[in-house]
Amino acid sequence: MSTKRQIEDCVRDRLEDYFTDLDGVEPAAMYDMILKVVERPLLDVVMKHADQNQSRAAEWLGINRNTLRRKLLEHKLLD
């Protein structure tokens, strides 16, 4: 199984758990919630593996370095 597929399965399983935990309560603003929940660990791990090099991390993520910096600040991942 490919790594991409494993990540998809993990996300799918956690989303199923989320709906189970709601116990019938209607969810709200899920899209923004999921993006925030996924984005922070994504940025954290990529920065770690890029040795805190923002240019390298931005390249790996396929985003502009300024966008990465803004997101790092939003998630309080910069000193």
N, C-alpha and C. Protein backbone atom coordinates (compact mmCIF):
# COMPACT_ATOMS: atom_id res chain seq x y z
N MET A 1 0.85 -1.18 0.00
CA MET A 1 0.00 0.00 0.00
C MET A 1 0.90 1.25 0.00
N SER A 2 0.55 2.22 -0.82
CA SER A 2 1.35 3.44 -0.91
C SER A 2 1.16 4.31 0.32
N THR A 3 2.15 5.14 0.59
CA THR A 3 2.07 6.06 1.72
C THR A 3 0.90 7.00 1.57
N LYS A 4 0.68 7.47 0.34
CA LYS A 4 -0.46 8.38 0.08
C LYS A 4 -1.76 7.70 0.49
N ARG A 5 -1.92 6.44 0.12
CA ARG A 5 -3.13 5.70 0.45
C ARG A 5 -3.26 5.51 1.97
N GLN A 6 -2.13 5.27 2.64
CA GLN A 6 -2.16 5.10 4.10
C GLN A 6 -2.62 6.38 4.79
N ILE A 7 -2.14 7.52 4.31
CA ILE A 7 -2.56 8.80 4.88
C ILE A 7 -4.04 9.02 4.64
N GLU A 8 -4.51 8.74 3.43
CA GLU A 8 -5.93 8.88 3.12
C GLU A 8 -6.78 8.00 4.03
N ASP A 9 -6.34 6.76 4.22
CA ASP A 9 -7.08 5.84 5.09
C ASP A 9 -7.11 6.32 6.52
N CYS A 10 -6.00 6.86 6.99
CA CYS A 10 -5.93 7.39 8.35
C CYS A 10 -6.90 8.56 8.52
N VAL A 11 -6.91 9.48 7.57
CA VAL A 11 -7.83 10.62 7.62
C VAL A 11 -9.27 10.14 7.58
N ARG A 12 -9.56 9.21 6.69
CA ARG A 12 -10.91 8.65 6.57
C ARG A 12 -11.35 8.01 7.89
N ASP A 13 -10.49 7.22 8.49
CA ASP A 13 -10.82 6.56 9.75
C ASP A 13 -11.09 7.58 10.85
N ARG A 14 -10.25 8.63 10.93
CA ARG A 14 -10.45 9.65 11.97
C ARG A 14 -11.73 10.43 11.73
N LEU A 15 -12.08 10.69 10.47
CA LEU A 15 -13.34 11.38 10.18
C LEU A 15 -14.54 10.52 10.58
N GLU A 16 -14.44 9.21 10.33
CA GLU A 16 -15.51 8.32 10.77
C GLU A 16 -15.64 8.35 12.29
N ASP A 17 -14.50 8.36 12.98
CA ASP A 17 -14.51 8.46 14.45
C ASP A 17 -15.16 9.76 14.89
N TYR A 18 -14.85 10.85 14.19
CA TYR A 18 -15.41 12.16 14.51
C TYR A 18 -16.94 12.12 14.44
N PHE A 19 -17.47 11.53 13.36
CA PHE A 19 -18.92 11.44 13.23
C PHE A 19 -19.52 10.54 14.30
N THR A 20 -18.82 9.48 14.64
CA THR A 20 -19.30 8.61 15.71
C THR A 20 -19.36 9.37 17.03
N ASP A 21 -18.30 10.13 17.31
CA ASP A 21 -18.24 10.91 18.55
C ASP A 21 -19.31 11.98 18.62
N LEU A 22 -19.75 12.49 17.47
CA LEU A 22 -20.81 13.50 17.46
C LEU A 22 -22.13 12.93 17.97
N ASP A 23 -22.28 11.62 17.84
CA ASP A 23 -23.47 10.92 18.35
C ASP A 23 -24.77 11.58 17.88
N GLY A 24 -24.82 11.86 16.57
CA GLY A 24 -26.04 12.39 15.99
C GLY A 24 -26.12 13.90 15.94
N VAL A 25 -25.23 14.60 16.61
CA VAL A 25 -25.22 16.06 16.57
C VAL A 25 -24.68 16.49 15.21
N GLU A 26 -25.32 17.50 14.62
CA GLU A 26 -24.89 17.98 13.30
C GLU A 26 -23.54 18.69 13.40
N PRO A 27 -22.60 18.35 12.52
CA PRO A 27 -21.31 19.06 12.53
C PRO A 27 -21.45 20.46 11.95
N ALA A 28 -20.48 21.32 12.26
CA ALA A 28 -20.50 22.68 11.72
C ALA A 28 -19.07 23.11 11.38
N ALA A 29 -18.92 23.84 10.30
CA ALA A 29 -17.63 24.41 9.88
C ALA A 29 -16.52 23.37 9.84
N MET A 30 -16.84 22.20 9.34
CA MET A 30 -15.86 21.10 9.30
C MET A 30 -14.67 21.39 8.40
N TYR A 31 -14.90 22.02 7.29
CA TYR A 31 -13.82 22.24 6.33
C TYR A 31 -12.68 23.03 6.97
N ASP A 32 -13.01 24.18 7.56
CA ASP A 32 -11.97 24.99 8.20
C ASP A 32 -11.34 24.25 9.37
N MET A 33 -12.13 23.54 10.15
CA MET A 33 -11.61 22.79 11.28
C MET A 33 -10.59 21.75 10.82
N ILE A 34 -10.94 20.99 9.80
CA ILE A 34 -10.05 19.93 9.31
C ILE A 34 -8.76 20.53 8.75
N LEU A 35 -8.88 21.62 7.98
CA LEU A 35 -7.68 22.24 7.43
C LEU A 35 -6.74 22.70 8.55
N LYS A 36 -7.28 23.30 9.58
CA LYS A 36 -6.44 23.76 10.69
C LYS A 36 -5.82 22.59 11.44
N VAL A 37 -6.59 21.55 11.65
CA VAL A 37 -6.10 20.38 12.40
C VAL A 37 -5.00 19.66 11.62
N VAL A 38 -5.10 19.63 10.31
CA VAL A 38 -4.11 18.94 9.49
C VAL A 38 -2.91 19.84 9.18
N GLU A 39 -3.17 21.12 8.97
CA GLU A 39 -2.12 22.02 8.54
C GLU A 39 -1.00 22.18 9.59
N ARG A 40 -1.36 22.31 10.85
CA ARG A 40 -0.35 22.53 11.89
C ARG A 40 0.66 21.38 11.96
N PRO A 41 0.22 20.12 12.11
CA PRO A 41 1.22 19.05 12.16
C PRO A 41 1.97 18.89 10.83
N LEU A 42 1.32 19.17 9.71
CA LEU A 42 2.00 19.11 8.42
C LEU A 42 3.17 20.09 8.41
N LEU A 43 2.90 21.33 8.78
CA LEU A 43 3.95 22.34 8.79
C LEU A 43 5.04 22.00 9.80
N ASP A 44 4.66 21.55 10.95
CA ASP A 44 5.60 21.21 12.01
C ASP A 44 6.57 20.10 11.56
N VAL A 45 6.02 19.04 11.00
CA VAL A 45 6.85 17.90 10.57
C VAL A 45 7.73 18.28 9.38
N VAL A 46 7.18 19.00 8.42
CA VAL A 46 7.97 19.39 7.25
C VAL A 46 9.12 20.31 7.67
N MET A 47 8.84 21.26 8.54
CA MET A 47 9.90 22.15 9.01
C MET A 47 10.99 21.37 9.74
N LYS A 48 10.60 20.40 10.52
CA LYS A 48 11.58 19.56 11.23
C LYS A 48 12.48 18.84 10.24
N HIS A 49 11.89 18.23 9.23
CA HIS A 49 12.66 17.47 8.26
C HIS A 49 13.46 18.36 7.31
N ALA A 50 13.05 19.61 7.19
CA ALA A 50 13.79 20.58 6.37
C ALA A 50 14.80 21.34 7.23
N ASP A 51 15.04 20.86 8.44
CA ASP A 51 15.99 21.51 9.36
C ASP A 51 15.66 22.99 9.57
N GLN A 52 14.37 23.30 9.67
CA GLN A 52 13.87 24.66 9.91
C GLN A 52 14.17 25.62 8.75
N ASN A 53 14.54 25.09 7.59
CA ASN A 53 14.84 25.91 6.42
C ASN A 53 13.52 26.19 5.69
N GLN A 54 13.06 27.44 5.81
CA GLN A 54 11.75 27.80 5.24
C GLN A 54 11.72 27.70 3.72
N SER A 55 12.80 28.05 3.07
CA SER A 55 12.83 27.96 1.60
C SER A 55 12.68 26.51 1.15
N ARG A 56 13.42 25.62 1.79
CA ARG A 56 13.34 24.20 1.44
C ARG A 56 11.94 23.66 1.75
N ALA A 57 11.41 23.99 2.93
CA ALA A 57 10.09 23.50 3.32
C ALA A 57 9.02 24.01 2.36
N ALA A 58 9.11 25.27 1.98
CA ALA A 58 8.13 25.84 1.04
C ALA A 58 8.19 25.11 -0.29
N GLU A 59 9.40 24.82 -0.74
CA GLU A 59 9.57 24.09 -2.00
C GLU A 59 8.93 22.70 -1.88
N TRP A 60 9.20 21.99 -0.80
CA TRP A 60 8.63 20.66 -0.60
C TRP A 60 7.10 20.70 -0.58
N LEU A 61 6.56 21.75 0.05
CA LEU A 61 5.11 21.87 0.17
C LEU A 61 4.46 22.39 -1.11
N GLY A 62 5.28 22.97 -1.99
CA GLY A 62 4.73 23.53 -3.22
C GLY A 62 4.01 24.84 -3.00
N ILE A 63 4.49 25.61 -1.99
CA ILE A 63 3.89 26.92 -1.71
C ILE A 63 5.00 27.97 -1.67
N ASN A 64 4.59 29.21 -1.76
CA ASN A 64 5.50 30.34 -1.69
C ASN A 64 6.08 30.45 -0.28
N ARG A 65 7.34 30.87 -0.16
CA ARG A 65 7.98 30.99 1.16
C ARG A 65 7.23 31.98 2.05
N ASN A 66 6.72 33.08 1.48
CA ASN A 66 5.96 34.05 2.27
C ASN A 66 4.67 33.44 2.81
N THR A 67 4.05 32.61 2.00
CA THR A 67 2.83 31.92 2.44
C THR A 67 3.17 30.97 3.59
N LEU A 68 4.28 30.26 3.45
CA LEU A 68 4.70 29.36 4.52
C LEU A 68 4.95 30.14 5.80
N ARG A 69 5.66 31.24 5.69
CA ARG A 69 5.97 32.05 6.88
C ARG A 69 4.69 32.53 7.55
N ARG A 70 3.73 32.99 6.76
CA ARG A 70 2.44 33.45 7.32
C ARG A 70 1.75 32.31 8.06
N LYS A 71 1.74 31.13 7.45
CA LYS A 71 1.09 29.98 8.07
C LYS A 71 1.81 29.55 9.35
N LEU A 72 3.13 29.59 9.34
CA LEU A 72 3.90 29.26 10.53
C LEU A 72 3.58 30.22 11.68
N LEU A 73 3.44 31.48 11.34
CA LEU A 73 3.07 32.49 12.35
C LEU A 73 1.64 32.24 12.86
N GLU A 74 0.71 31.96 11.95
CA GLU A 74 -0.68 31.69 12.33
C GLU A 74 -0.77 30.53 13.32
N HIS A 75 0.05 29.51 13.10
CA HIS A 75 0.01 28.32 13.94
C HIS A 75 1.00 28.38 15.10
N LYS A 76 1.62 29.57 15.26
CA LYS A 76 2.57 29.79 16.35
C LYS A 76 3.71 28.77 16.34
N LEU A 77 4.23 28.51 15.14
CA LEU A 77 5.34 27.57 14.97
C LEU A 77 6.67 28.29 14.76
N LEU A 78 6.65 29.62 14.86
CA LEU A 78 7.89 30.40 14.80
C LEU A 78 8.10 31.09 16.13
N ASP A 79 9.38 31.24 16.48
CA ASP A 79 9.71 31.94 17.74
C ASP A 79 9.45 33.41 17.63
